[in-house]
Amino acid sequence: MKQKIAVLGPGSWGTALAKVLAENGHDVRLWGHEPSQLEEINTKHTNSRYLKEVILPESLKGEADLETCIQDVDAILFVVPTKAIRTVARQVVSKLTNRPMIIHASKGLEQGTHKRISEVLLEEISENKRKDVVVLSGPSHAEEVAVKDITTITAACTNLEAAEYVQKLFMNSYFRIYTNDDVIGVETGAALKNIIALGSGAIHGLGYGDNAKAAIMTRGLAEISRLGVAMGANPMTFIGLSGLGDLIVTCTSVHSRNWRAGDLLGRGHKLDEVLENMGMIVEGVSTTKAAVELARELKVEMPITETIYGVLYENEDVKKAAKNIMLRNSKSEKEF
């Protein structure tokens, strides 16, 4: 069934998801702030800043006016940076004319509150203004989805009927969606893997090999699981697409901005310089701060995350930090 969908955020991931929806036959509007970018989408059917050499469907329309974009839509997909979620949600709720399904494909924790993105959306968009809130997450580079590379991700909601609705919106021959009712686990895995990707990139930048990369990914997954379970997640979620799957793809590819940022840090660049040169939000940087604060509050041990925090926020030398974490007190691998 053809649906009317507003996609909020014309970055690489928002554009790629909008492309999937439009190619599936839905009426899709892509909202953003930059007039020249929207004009390019509407006239040249490209978004060259984020997805070079990708041709977008002519039916996909860029829209600068939020009220027009969300008018009478069946679903709204949030793909804006974590720090903008609450602000944009407040703008949306003031302009809603019906009760759409709310979907989000952003990955992070809100600074200060440490809340997951779905929690923020539930707070800001009351039940009488929306249907359910569904999380869309998993191992996916926008650059690969945009060229129809085979991809599998998860739609998560405590109401599985809502997750199945989102599954039907996106499913096609190259983009497969699985459902899950563990929203906490899916969002926690999505947010925290960006921290480990920073560390994985730094390991590469320092010149270490595959052994070190395997170590940080494996022990990083243990940290993600510990914090997620403490927050109420199902531990099995972390060996699925939004846990292990997302961790692998983000920690091993130059497509990952978090990996690239970590790589530059490992090569000796300063954080301010790295962020300035990236040109896109590096969610792992802010998520590291939120995760460390939350872990300390919940008394969860996260040595890799603490080490990355020290490099990012306490000006610790990255090479010395890598050595120090190896010299911690010995322990059993079974300690959780």
Protein backbone atom coordinates (compact mmCIF):
# COMPACT_ATOMS: atom_id res chain seq x y z
CA MET A 1 0.00 0.00 0.00
CA LYS A 2 1.36 3.41 -0.97
CA GLN A 3 2.09 5.58 2.07
CA LYS A 4 2.88 9.27 2.48
CA ILE A 5 6.12 9.65 4.44
CA ALA A 6 8.15 12.61 5.69
CA VAL A 7 11.87 12.02 6.16
CA LEU A 8 13.51 14.60 8.42
CA GLY A 9 17.22 15.04 7.73
CA PRO A 10 18.81 15.06 4.25
CA GLY A 11 22.21 13.72 5.31
CA SER A 12 23.65 10.53 3.86
CA TRP A 13 21.50 8.12 5.89
CA GLY A 14 18.31 10.16 5.62
CA THR A 15 18.75 10.47 1.86
CA ALA A 16 19.51 6.76 1.44
CA LEU A 17 16.42 5.74 3.43
CA ALA A 18 14.26 8.23 1.54
CA LYS A 19 15.56 6.72 -1.69
CA VAL A 20 14.57 3.21 -0.55
CA LEU A 21 11.07 4.39 0.38
CA ALA A 22 10.58 6.28 -2.89
CA GLU A 23 11.78 3.32 -4.94
CA ASN A 24 9.28 1.16 -3.04
CA GLY A 25 6.51 3.35 -4.46
CA HIS A 26 5.78 5.60 -1.48
CA ASP A 27 5.16 9.37 -1.61
CA VAL A 28 8.28 10.72 0.10
CA ARG A 29 9.23 14.24 1.15
CA LEU A 30 12.75 14.96 2.47
CA TRP A 31 12.97 17.93 4.86
CA GLY A 32 16.08 20.03 5.40
CA HIS A 33 17.35 23.57 6.00
CA GLU A 34 19.80 24.16 3.15
CA PRO A 35 18.05 25.68 0.08
CA SER A 36 20.82 24.79 -2.37
CA GLN A 37 20.79 21.16 -1.23
CA LEU A 38 17.02 20.88 -1.61
CA GLU A 39 17.14 22.56 -5.01
CA GLU A 40 19.75 20.03 -6.13
CA ILE A 41 17.55 17.15 -4.94
CA ASN A 42 14.55 18.55 -6.81
CA THR A 43 16.24 19.59 -10.06
CA LYS A 44 19.29 17.36 -10.49
CA HIS A 45 17.98 14.45 -8.39
CA THR A 46 21.29 14.18 -6.55
CA ASN A 47 22.65 14.99 -3.10
CA SER A 48 26.31 15.28 -4.02
CA ARG A 49 27.55 16.50 -0.64
CA TYR A 50 26.56 13.24 1.02
CA LEU A 51 26.05 10.63 -1.71
CA LYS A 52 28.31 11.29 -4.66
CA GLU A 53 27.30 9.88 -8.05
CA VAL A 54 23.99 8.52 -6.71
CA ILE A 55 20.88 9.35 -8.74
CA LEU A 56 17.73 9.82 -6.67
CA PRO A 57 14.19 8.97 -7.83
CA GLU A 58 12.45 11.90 -9.50
CA SER A 59 9.47 11.26 -7.23
CA LEU A 60 11.56 12.11 -4.15
CA LYS A 61 11.03 15.78 -3.29
CA GLY A 62 13.07 18.05 -1.06
CA GLU A 63 11.00 20.33 1.18
CA ALA A 64 12.14 23.30 3.27
CA ASP A 65 8.85 23.93 5.08
CA LEU A 66 8.33 21.46 7.91
CA GLU A 67 4.58 22.01 8.16
CA THR A 68 4.12 21.25 4.45
CA CYS A 69 6.43 18.23 4.68
CA ILE A 70 4.51 16.50 7.50
CA GLN A 71 0.97 17.47 6.50
CA ASP A 72 -1.32 14.41 6.52
CA VAL A 73 1.57 11.93 6.43
CA ASP A 74 1.22 8.28 7.44
CA ALA A 75 4.70 8.18 8.96
CA ILE A 76 7.52 10.53 9.99
CA LEU A 77 11.10 9.26 9.89
CA PHE A 78 13.59 11.18 12.07
CA VAL A 79 17.17 11.00 10.76
CA VAL A 80 18.63 14.10 12.40
CA PRO A 81 21.61 14.21 14.81
CA THR A 82 20.86 13.10 18.36
CA LYS A 83 21.38 16.61 19.75
CA ALA A 84 18.62 17.91 17.44
CA ILE A 85 16.01 15.22 18.13
CA ARG A 86 14.19 16.99 20.98
CA THR A 87 14.17 20.37 19.21
CA VAL A 88 12.87 18.94 15.94
CA ALA A 89 10.27 16.81 17.77
CA ARG A 90 8.90 19.93 19.44
CA GLN A 91 8.65 21.64 16.06
CA VAL A 92 6.88 18.61 14.61
CA VAL A 93 4.32 18.24 17.38
CA SER A 94 3.18 21.84 16.99
CA LYS A 95 2.40 21.27 13.32
CA LEU A 96 0.84 17.79 13.25
CA THR A 97 -2.56 17.46 11.63
CA ASN A 98 -3.04 13.72 12.23
CA ARG A 99 -1.53 10.79 14.17
CA PRO A 100 1.36 9.37 12.11
CA MET A 101 3.67 6.50 12.93
CA ILE A 102 6.95 7.86 14.31
CA ILE A 103 10.16 6.16 13.18
CA HIS A 104 13.73 7.09 13.96
CA ALA A 105 17.03 5.96 12.45
CA SER A 106 19.40 8.10 14.53
CA LYS A 107 22.00 6.61 16.90
CA GLY A 108 23.06 8.13 20.20
CA LEU A 109 22.19 9.12 23.76
CA GLU A 110 20.93 12.56 24.73
CA GLN A 111 23.51 14.64 26.57
CA GLY A 112 22.66 15.43 30.18
CA THR A 113 19.64 13.14 30.46
CA HIS A 114 21.37 10.05 28.96
CA LYS A 115 18.00 9.14 27.44
CA ARG A 116 17.60 6.97 24.39
CA ILE A 117 16.15 8.65 21.30
CA SER A 118 12.82 6.84 21.50
CA GLU A 119 12.43 8.05 25.09
CA VAL A 120 12.92 11.64 23.92
CA LEU A 121 10.37 11.20 21.14
CA LEU A 122 7.83 9.62 23.50
CA GLU A 123 8.26 12.55 25.88
CA GLU A 124 7.87 15.24 23.24
CA ILE A 125 5.16 13.71 21.03
CA SER A 126 2.23 12.68 23.18
CA GLU A 127 0.14 9.58 22.43
CA ASN A 128 -2.79 11.61 21.15
CA LYS A 129 -0.49 13.10 18.48
CA ARG A 130 1.07 9.89 17.15
CA LYS A 131 0.84 6.13 16.80
CA ASP A 132 3.81 4.08 18.02
CA VAL A 133 7.51 4.93 17.97
CA VAL A 134 9.66 2.46 16.01
CA VAL A 135 13.48 2.26 15.97
CA LEU A 136 15.22 1.44 12.67
CA SER A 137 18.80 0.28 13.22
CA GLY A 138 21.46 -2.19 12.16
CA PRO A 139 24.64 -2.69 10.10
CA SER A 140 24.20 -0.25 7.26
CA HIS A 141 26.39 2.23 5.41
CA ALA A 142 24.30 4.81 3.58
CA GLU A 143 26.74 4.72 0.66
CA GLU A 144 26.04 1.02 0.14
CA VAL A 145 22.27 1.17 0.65
CA ALA A 146 22.11 4.00 -1.91
CA VAL A 147 23.61 1.73 -4.59
CA LYS A 148 21.36 -1.21 -3.61
CA ASP A 149 24.00 -3.30 -1.87
CA ILE A 150 22.43 -6.13 0.17
CA THR A 151 21.59 -4.84 3.68
CA THR A 152 19.70 -6.27 6.68
CA ILE A 153 18.60 -4.17 9.66
CA THR A 154 16.06 -4.22 12.50
CA ALA A 155 12.75 -2.45 13.17
CA ALA A 156 12.15 -2.44 16.94
CA CYS A 157 9.05 -1.58 18.92
CA THR A 158 7.33 -3.00 21.97
CA ASN A 159 4.27 -3.24 19.71
CA LEU A 160 5.34 -5.75 17.06
CA GLU A 161 2.47 -4.73 14.76
CA ALA A 162 4.07 -1.29 14.47
CA ALA A 163 7.46 -2.86 13.79
CA GLU A 164 5.86 -5.02 11.08
CA TYR A 165 4.34 -1.90 9.49
CA VAL A 166 7.81 -0.37 9.20
CA GLN A 167 9.16 -3.69 7.94
CA LYS A 168 6.65 -3.60 5.07
CA LEU A 169 7.49 0.02 4.24
CA PHE A 170 11.16 -0.73 3.61
CA MET A 171 11.44 -4.37 2.53
CA ASN A 172 12.64 -5.06 -1.01
CA SER A 173 15.14 -7.25 -2.89
CA TYR A 174 18.23 -5.57 -1.40
CA PHE A 175 16.94 -4.11 1.89
CA ARG A 176 15.67 -6.68 4.37
CA ILE A 177 14.10 -5.77 7.73
CA TYR A 178 13.74 -8.00 10.79
CA THR A 179 11.49 -7.13 13.73
CA ASN A 180 12.41 -7.03 17.41
CA ASP A 181 10.56 -5.99 20.57
CA ASP A 182 13.72 -5.11 22.56
CA VAL A 183 13.84 -1.36 21.97
CA ILE A 184 16.36 -0.79 24.78
CA GLY A 185 18.80 -3.31 23.37
CA VAL A 186 18.51 -2.13 19.79
CA GLU A 187 19.01 1.55 20.70
CA THR A 188 21.81 0.84 23.16
CA GLY A 189 23.73 -1.26 20.64
CA ALA A 190 23.24 1.41 17.98
CA ALA A 191 24.55 4.20 20.20
CA LEU A 192 27.45 2.50 21.95
CA LYS A 193 29.01 0.83 18.89
CA ASN A 194 30.06 4.31 17.74
CA ILE A 195 32.30 4.59 20.80
CA ILE A 196 34.03 1.31 20.01
CA ALA A 197 34.39 2.39 16.37
CA LEU A 198 36.36 5.42 17.55
CA GLY A 199 38.66 3.08 19.42
CA SER A 200 38.95 0.69 16.48
CA GLY A 201 39.91 3.57 14.21
CA ALA A 202 42.47 4.77 16.73
CA ILE A 203 44.00 1.26 16.87
CA HIS A 204 44.40 1.41 13.08
CA GLY A 205 45.83 4.92 13.21
CA LEU A 206 48.40 3.79 15.77
CA GLY A 207 49.54 1.09 13.36
CA TYR A 208 48.31 -1.99 15.21
CA GLY A 209 47.05 -5.02 13.28
CA ASP A 210 44.12 -7.40 13.12
CA ASN A 211 44.74 -8.93 16.56
CA ALA A 212 44.23 -5.57 18.24
CA LYS A 213 41.14 -4.81 16.14
CA ALA A 214 39.57 -8.15 17.09
CA ALA A 215 40.37 -7.48 20.74
CA ILE A 216 38.72 -4.08 20.91
CA MET A 217 35.63 -5.23 19.03
CA THR A 218 35.14 -8.33 21.18
CA ARG A 219 35.77 -6.66 24.50
CA GLY A 220 33.85 -3.64 23.30
CA LEU A 221 30.81 -5.84 22.69
CA ALA A 222 31.14 -7.10 26.26
CA GLU A 223 30.99 -3.50 27.52
CA ILE A 224 27.99 -2.68 25.34
CA SER A 225 26.19 -5.76 26.65
CA ARG A 226 26.98 -4.96 30.29
CA LEU A 227 25.57 -1.46 30.10
CA GLY A 228 22.62 -2.51 27.96
CA VAL A 229 21.58 -5.27 30.36
CA ALA A 230 21.90 -2.86 33.28
CA MET A 231 19.48 -0.58 31.41
CA GLY A 232 17.00 -3.43 30.94
CA ALA A 233 17.95 -4.90 27.55
CA ASN A 234 17.77 -8.55 26.51
CA PRO A 235 21.39 -9.78 26.29
CA MET A 236 20.58 -11.81 23.16
CA THR A 237 19.95 -8.59 21.24
CA PHE A 238 23.65 -7.80 21.33
CA ILE A 239 24.60 -10.82 19.22
CA GLY A 240 22.10 -9.73 16.56
CA LEU A 241 22.03 -7.14 13.80
CA SER A 242 21.83 -4.06 16.00
CA GLY A 243 24.57 -5.35 18.30
CA LEU A 244 27.35 -7.46 16.79
CA GLY A 245 26.27 -6.70 13.22
CA ASP A 246 26.35 -2.94 13.62
CA LEU A 247 29.59 -3.16 15.60
CA ILE A 248 31.35 -5.07 12.82
CA VAL A 249 30.30 -2.74 10.03
CA THR A 250 31.15 0.41 11.98
CA CYS A 251 34.51 -0.79 13.30
CA THR A 252 35.93 -2.11 10.02
CA SER A 253 35.06 0.36 7.27
CA VAL A 254 36.29 3.68 5.94
CA HIS A 255 32.62 4.51 5.32
CA SER A 256 32.24 4.93 9.10
CA ARG A 257 32.82 8.53 10.17
CA ASN A 258 33.46 7.34 13.74
CA TRP A 259 36.16 4.95 12.52
CA ARG A 260 37.69 7.69 10.37
CA ALA A 261 37.69 10.11 13.29
CA GLY A 262 39.38 7.53 15.52
CA ASP A 263 41.95 6.80 12.83
CA LEU A 264 42.91 10.48 12.72
CA LEU A 265 43.17 10.60 16.51
CA GLY A 266 45.45 7.58 16.39
CA ARG A 267 47.65 9.36 13.86
CA GLY A 268 48.15 12.23 16.29
CA HIS A 269 45.52 14.77 15.21
CA LYS A 270 43.73 16.80 17.89
CA LEU A 271 40.02 16.27 18.45
CA ASP A 272 39.00 19.81 17.43
CA GLU A 273 40.94 19.45 14.20
CA VAL A 274 39.37 16.05 13.49
CA LEU A 275 35.81 17.27 14.04
CA GLU A 276 36.38 20.37 11.93
CA ASN A 277 37.70 18.34 9.02
CA MET A 278 35.05 15.59 9.13
CA GLY A 279 32.24 17.81 7.82
CA MET A 280 29.61 15.57 9.46
CA ILE A 281 28.48 14.81 13.00
CA VAL A 282 30.64 12.20 14.75
CA GLU A 283 28.04 10.80 17.15
CA GLY A 284 30.53 8.64 19.03
CA VAL A 285 32.23 11.68 20.59
CA SER A 286 29.18 12.94 22.47
CA THR A 287 27.92 9.39 23.10
CA THR A 288 31.19 8.55 24.88
CA LYS A 289 30.53 11.28 27.45
CA ALA A 290 26.93 10.20 28.00
CA ALA A 291 27.89 6.52 28.25
CA VAL A 292 30.65 7.13 30.81
CA GLU A 293 28.32 9.21 32.98
CA LEU A 294 25.58 6.59 32.73
CA ALA A 295 27.96 3.69 33.42
CA ARG A 296 29.31 5.42 36.52
CA GLU A 297 25.75 6.06 37.70
CA LEU A 298 24.78 2.40 37.18
CA LYS A 299 28.15 1.13 38.50
CA VAL A 300 28.95 -0.71 35.26
CA GLU A 301 32.59 -1.36 34.37
CA MET A 302 33.49 -0.02 30.90
CA PRO A 303 37.29 0.28 30.66
CA ILE A 304 37.50 0.75 26.90
CA THR A 305 34.85 3.46 26.97
CA GLU A 306 36.59 5.13 29.94
CA THR A 307 39.89 5.04 28.03
CA ILE A 308 38.34 6.65 24.95
CA TYR A 309 36.74 9.26 27.20
CA GLY A 310 40.17 10.08 28.59
CA VAL A 311 41.56 10.64 25.10
CA LEU A 312 38.59 12.73 23.97
CA TYR A 313 37.90 14.81 27.07
CA GLU A 314 40.98 14.69 29.29
CA ASN A 315 43.70 15.12 26.67
CA GLU A 316 45.29 11.74 27.38
CA ASP A 317 47.90 10.53 24.89
CA VAL A 318 46.27 7.90 22.69
CA LYS A 319 49.33 5.63 22.47
CA LYS A 320 49.86 5.73 26.24
CA ALA A 321 46.14 5.08 26.81
CA ALA A 322 46.28 1.96 24.61
CA LYS A 323 49.23 0.63 26.65
CA ASN A 324 47.64 1.40 30.00
CA ILE A 325 44.42 -0.47 29.24
CA MET A 326 46.47 -3.59 28.46
CA LEU A 327 48.18 -3.38 31.86
CA ARG A 328 45.00 -3.38 33.95
CA ASN A 329 44.53 -6.08 36.58
CA SER A 330 44.01 -9.54 35.09
CA LYS A 331 40.51 -11.06 35.09
CA SER A 332 38.46 -13.96 33.72
CA GLU A 333 36.79 -13.58 30.34
CA LYS A 334 33.60 -14.94 31.93
CA GLU A 335 33.33 -11.97 34.29
CA PHE A 336 30.38 -9.96 32.99
